[in-house]
Amino acid sequence: MERSSMKRQNDQRIGEVLHQLVQNKKLKHKLFAKRIQSYWVEAMGPMIAEGTKAIEIRQQTLLLSVPSSTLRQELNLCKAEIINKLNNHLGEPYLKELRFI
């Protein structure tokens, strides 16, 4: 009995430590960048994902390289929807802006 209560206390501590690590801005930024990159094809579909070249996040702004002016214009019209979709996937309003470079 004593051992299981120790385990529960340790589990809580590990959970707290992991939460604190994720809240670290640098680690959180890297984690969110990876999550967005891995979700991008699912969120946007393969055709749009293929039309975007570079995905990078700087200061809560998602930067996309979109060579096609037509696709860039379409994505620009859906900016708010894209940001909302990605933020919903992240579980918090992390992304503030979407820019095309």
Protein backbone atom coordinates (compact mmCIF):
# COMPACT_ATOMS: atom_id res chain seq x y z
CA MET A 1 0.00 0.00 0.00
CA GLU A 2 2.77 2.38 0.92
CA ARG A 3 4.53 1.73 -2.39
CA SER A 4 1.44 2.57 -4.50
CA SER A 5 0.95 5.88 -2.69
CA MET A 6 4.61 6.70 -3.34
CA LYS A 7 4.09 5.89 -7.00
CA ARG A 8 1.10 8.22 -7.19
CA GLN A 9 3.10 11.02 -5.59
CA ASN A 10 5.94 10.43 -8.05
CA ASP A 11 3.51 10.37 -10.97
CA GLN A 12 2.14 13.73 -9.92
CA ARG A 13 5.62 15.17 -9.66
CA ILE A 14 6.60 13.85 -13.08
CA GLY A 15 3.40 15.28 -14.52
CA GLU A 16 4.12 18.65 -12.94
CA VAL A 17 7.70 18.62 -14.25
CA LEU A 18 6.52 17.78 -17.78
CA HIS A 19 3.92 20.54 -17.63
CA GLN A 20 6.57 23.06 -16.54
CA LEU A 21 8.90 21.93 -19.33
CA VAL A 22 6.20 22.36 -21.95
CA GLN A 23 5.42 25.81 -20.57
CA ASN A 24 9.04 26.83 -21.17
CA LYS A 25 8.73 29.19 -24.16
CA LYS A 26 11.54 27.71 -26.25
CA LEU A 27 10.41 24.15 -25.73
CA LYS A 28 6.77 25.08 -26.27
CA HIS A 29 7.65 26.88 -29.51
CA LYS A 30 9.57 23.87 -30.83
CA LEU A 31 6.82 21.47 -29.81
CA PHE A 32 4.12 23.57 -31.47
CA ALA A 33 6.22 24.02 -34.64
CA LYS A 34 6.61 20.24 -34.94
CA ARG A 35 2.92 19.65 -34.26
CA ILE A 36 1.91 22.15 -36.95
CA GLN A 37 4.36 20.68 -39.46
CA SER A 38 3.09 17.16 -38.86
CA TYR A 39 -0.55 18.30 -39.05
CA TRP A 40 -0.16 20.56 -42.10
CA VAL A 41 -1.03 17.97 -44.78
CA GLU A 42 -4.04 16.74 -42.83
CA ALA A 43 -5.26 20.27 -42.11
CA MET A 44 -4.81 21.68 -45.60
CA GLY A 45 -5.00 18.63 -47.84
CA PRO A 46 -2.24 17.22 -50.04
CA MET A 47 -2.66 19.65 -52.96
CA ILE A 48 -2.29 22.77 -50.84
CA ALA A 49 0.44 21.19 -48.72
CA GLU A 50 2.42 20.47 -51.91
CA GLY A 51 1.97 24.08 -53.00
CA THR A 52 3.59 25.43 -49.84
CA LYS A 53 7.37 25.22 -49.66
CA ALA A 54 8.64 26.38 -46.28
CA ILE A 55 6.83 26.30 -42.99
CA GLU A 56 8.39 28.25 -40.16
CA ILE A 57 7.11 29.97 -37.05
CA ARG A 58 8.55 33.25 -35.81
CA GLN A 59 7.05 35.11 -32.88
CA GLN A 60 3.74 33.26 -33.14
CA THR A 61 3.50 34.00 -36.87
CA LEU A 62 3.34 31.12 -39.34
CA LEU A 63 5.45 31.92 -42.41
CA LEU A 64 4.68 30.05 -45.62
CA SER A 65 6.53 30.10 -48.91
CA VAL A 66 3.83 29.90 -51.59
CA PRO A 67 5.25 30.26 -55.13
CA SER A 68 1.81 30.22 -56.79
CA SER A 69 0.15 33.64 -56.68
CA THR A 70 -3.27 32.01 -57.15
CA LEU A 71 -2.79 29.70 -54.18
CA ARG A 72 -1.33 32.56 -52.14
CA GLN A 73 -4.45 34.65 -52.82
CA GLU A 74 -6.77 31.76 -51.88
CA LEU A 75 -4.86 31.10 -48.65
CA ASN A 76 -4.90 34.81 -47.85
CA LEU A 77 -8.71 34.78 -48.03
CA CYS A 78 -8.79 31.88 -45.55
CA LYS A 79 -6.18 33.22 -43.11
CA ALA A 80 -8.42 33.41 -40.06
CA GLU A 81 -9.87 29.94 -40.70
CA ILE A 82 -6.38 28.43 -41.11
CA ILE A 83 -5.13 30.06 -37.90
CA ASN A 84 -8.22 28.86 -35.99
CA LYS A 85 -7.86 25.32 -37.32
CA LEU A 86 -4.18 25.13 -36.35
CA ASN A 87 -4.78 26.71 -32.94
CA ASN A 88 -7.61 24.23 -32.27
CA HIS A 89 -5.18 21.44 -33.05
CA LEU A 90 -2.65 22.94 -30.62
CA GLY A 91 -5.29 23.35 -27.94
CA GLU A 92 -4.65 27.04 -27.35
CA PRO A 93 -4.52 30.32 -29.33
CA TYR A 94 -0.77 30.18 -30.00
CA LEU A 95 -0.62 31.42 -33.60
CA LYS A 96 -1.50 35.08 -34.03
CA GLU A 97 -0.73 35.68 -37.72
CA LEU A 98 -0.15 33.97 -41.06
CA ARG A 99 2.23 35.50 -43.61
CA PHE A 100 3.35 34.47 -47.06
CA ILE A 101 6.98 34.92 -48.01
